[in-house]
C-alpha cells in the first residue's frame, strides 16, 4: 500500500494569529515547503457523522484574494460533489450561485 504524507506548518504571532502558512507533501515532485496565504481543511468523521474543519488565513491575506479563494473553493467543491455523487442538477445550482457570488463580490472570472 502506497502512503503519502501532507505536512502543514503554521507560524503564529504572539497573539496566535497566523503569519505564515506552509505545506509540503511526500508525494510531490517539489520537496520544498510551499507558502500559502489561506487554507481550508475539511475532514468527515464517520463515527459522529459530522465534519471537522480548520480554516486559517494569514493576517496579510488581501481581501480581494480571499474573495477569489472562496469563489474558487465553491467551484471546486461543486466539481468534487459531481464526481462523488453524480448529482448534476444541484451542481448546476451551485455553479449558478458561484456566478452570483462572483458578480456580487466583483470577481473577474474571465482568464
Protein backbone atom coordinates (compact mmCIF):
# COMPACT_ATOMS: atom_id res chain seq x y z
CA UNK A 1 0.00 0.00 0.00
CA UNK A 2 1.35 3.40 -1.00
CA UNK A 3 1.32 6.16 1.61
CA UNK A 4 1.73 9.90 1.27
CA UNK A 5 2.02 12.50 3.96
CA UNK A 6 0.92 16.13 3.83
CA UNK A 7 2.51 18.45 6.35
CA UNK A 8 1.15 21.90 7.19
CA UNK A 9 3.26 24.36 9.16
CA UNK A 10 1.68 27.49 10.61
CA UNK A 11 3.85 30.26 12.05
CA UNK A 12 1.93 32.33 14.62
CA UNK A 13 2.49 35.76 16.10
CA UNK A 14 2.39 36.45 19.85
CA UNK A 15 -1.46 36.50 19.71
CA UNK A 16 -1.63 33.16 17.87
CA UNK A 17 -2.64 34.82 14.60
CA UNK A 18 -1.15 33.07 11.54
CA UNK A 19 1.71 34.98 9.95
CA UNK A 20 2.82 32.27 7.53
CA UNK A 21 1.36 29.00 6.28
CA UNK A 22 3.49 26.40 4.51
CA UNK A 23 2.63 22.97 3.18
CA UNK A 24 4.58 20.09 1.72
CA UNK A 25 3.82 16.59 0.50
CA UNK A 26 5.91 13.45 0.41
CA UNK A 27 4.15 12.55 -2.86
CA UNK A 28 5.13 15.77 -4.66
CA UNK A 29 7.99 16.24 -7.09
CA UNK A 30 8.67 19.53 -5.29
CA UNK A 31 10.31 18.68 -1.96
CA UNK A 32 10.30 22.30 -0.72
CA UNK A 33 7.73 23.90 1.54
CA UNK A 34 5.18 25.88 -0.43
CA UNK A 35 3.83 29.13 1.02
CA UNK A 36 0.08 29.76 1.21
CA UNK A 37 -1.95 32.71 2.45
CA UNK A 38 -5.10 30.76 3.30
CA UNK A 39 -6.28 27.19 3.77
CA UNK A 40 -9.47 25.25 4.37
CA UNK A 41 -9.27 21.67 5.53
CA UNK A 42 -12.42 19.60 5.97
CA UNK A 43 -12.48 16.03 7.24
CA UNK A 44 -15.52 13.78 7.60
CA UNK A 45 -15.91 11.97 10.94
CA UNK A 46 -17.78 8.80 10.04
CA UNK A 47 -18.45 7.86 13.68
CA UNK A 48 -20.06 11.17 14.68
CA UNK A 49 -21.46 11.95 11.19
CA UNK A 50 -20.09 15.47 11.13
CA UNK A 51 -17.27 17.44 9.57
CA UNK A 52 -14.20 18.76 11.29
CA UNK A 53 -12.69 21.90 9.82
CA UNK A 54 -9.60 24.01 10.03
CA UNK A 55 -9.87 27.39 8.31
CA UNK A 56 -6.80 29.62 8.54
CA UNK A 57 -5.51 32.68 6.75
CA UNK A 58 -2.53 34.91 7.33
CA UNK A 59 -3.05 38.39 8.67
CA UNK A 60 -1.72 39.85 5.42
CA UNK A 61 -4.13 37.87 3.19
CA UNK A 62 -5.63 40.52 0.86
CA UNK A 63 -9.44 40.72 0.94
CA UNK A 64 -9.69 40.53 -2.85
CA UNK A 65 -7.66 37.31 -2.81
CA UNK A 66 -9.86 35.89 -0.01
CA UNK A 67 -12.94 36.57 -2.16
CA UNK A 68 -11.31 34.78 -5.09
CA UNK A 69 -10.22 31.92 -2.81
CA UNK A 70 -13.83 31.41 -1.65
CA UNK A 71 -15.13 31.59 -5.22
CA UNK A 72 -12.65 29.00 -6.47
CA UNK A 73 -13.24 26.77 -3.43
CA UNK A 74 -17.00 26.80 -4.04
CA UNK A 75 -16.42 25.98 -7.72
CA UNK A 76 -14.12 23.06 -6.99
CA UNK A 77 -16.45 21.77 -4.27
CA UNK A 78 -19.10 21.54 -7.00
CA UNK A 79 -16.70 19.55 -9.19
CA UNK A 80 -15.91 17.21 -6.31
CA UNK A 81 -19.57 16.78 -5.39
CA UNK A 82 -20.43 15.94 -9.01
CA UNK A 83 -17.67 13.30 -9.21
CA UNK A 84 -18.67 11.83 -5.83
CA UNK A 85 -22.46 11.77 -6.29
CA UNK A 86 -23.34 12.34 -9.94
CA UNK A 87 -25.90 14.97 -8.82
CA UNK A 88 -25.75 17.22 -11.92
CA UNK A 89 -28.83 19.35 -11.14
CA UNK A 90 -27.70 20.58 -7.75
CA UNK A 91 -24.19 21.21 -9.06
CA UNK A 92 -25.68 23.40 -11.78
CA UNK A 93 -27.47 25.32 -9.00
CA UNK A 94 -24.19 25.67 -7.12
CA UNK A 95 -22.46 26.97 -10.24
CA UNK A 96 -25.30 29.48 -10.70
CA UNK A 97 -24.73 30.61 -7.12
CA UNK A 98 -20.97 30.86 -7.78
CA UNK A 99 -21.67 33.17 -10.72
CA UNK A 100 -23.93 35.27 -8.46
CA UNK A 101 -21.25 35.30 -5.73
CA UNK A 102 -18.59 36.39 -8.24
CA UNK A 103 -20.85 39.15 -9.54
CA UNK A 104 -21.67 40.45 -6.04
CA UNK A 105 -18.02 40.32 -4.96
CA UNK A 106 -16.72 41.93 -8.16
CA UNK A 107 -14.59 38.90 -9.03
CA UNK A 108 -13.38 38.71 -12.62
CA UNK A 109 -13.91 35.10 -13.66
CA UNK A 110 -12.54 35.57 -17.19
CA UNK A 111 -8.97 34.35 -17.83
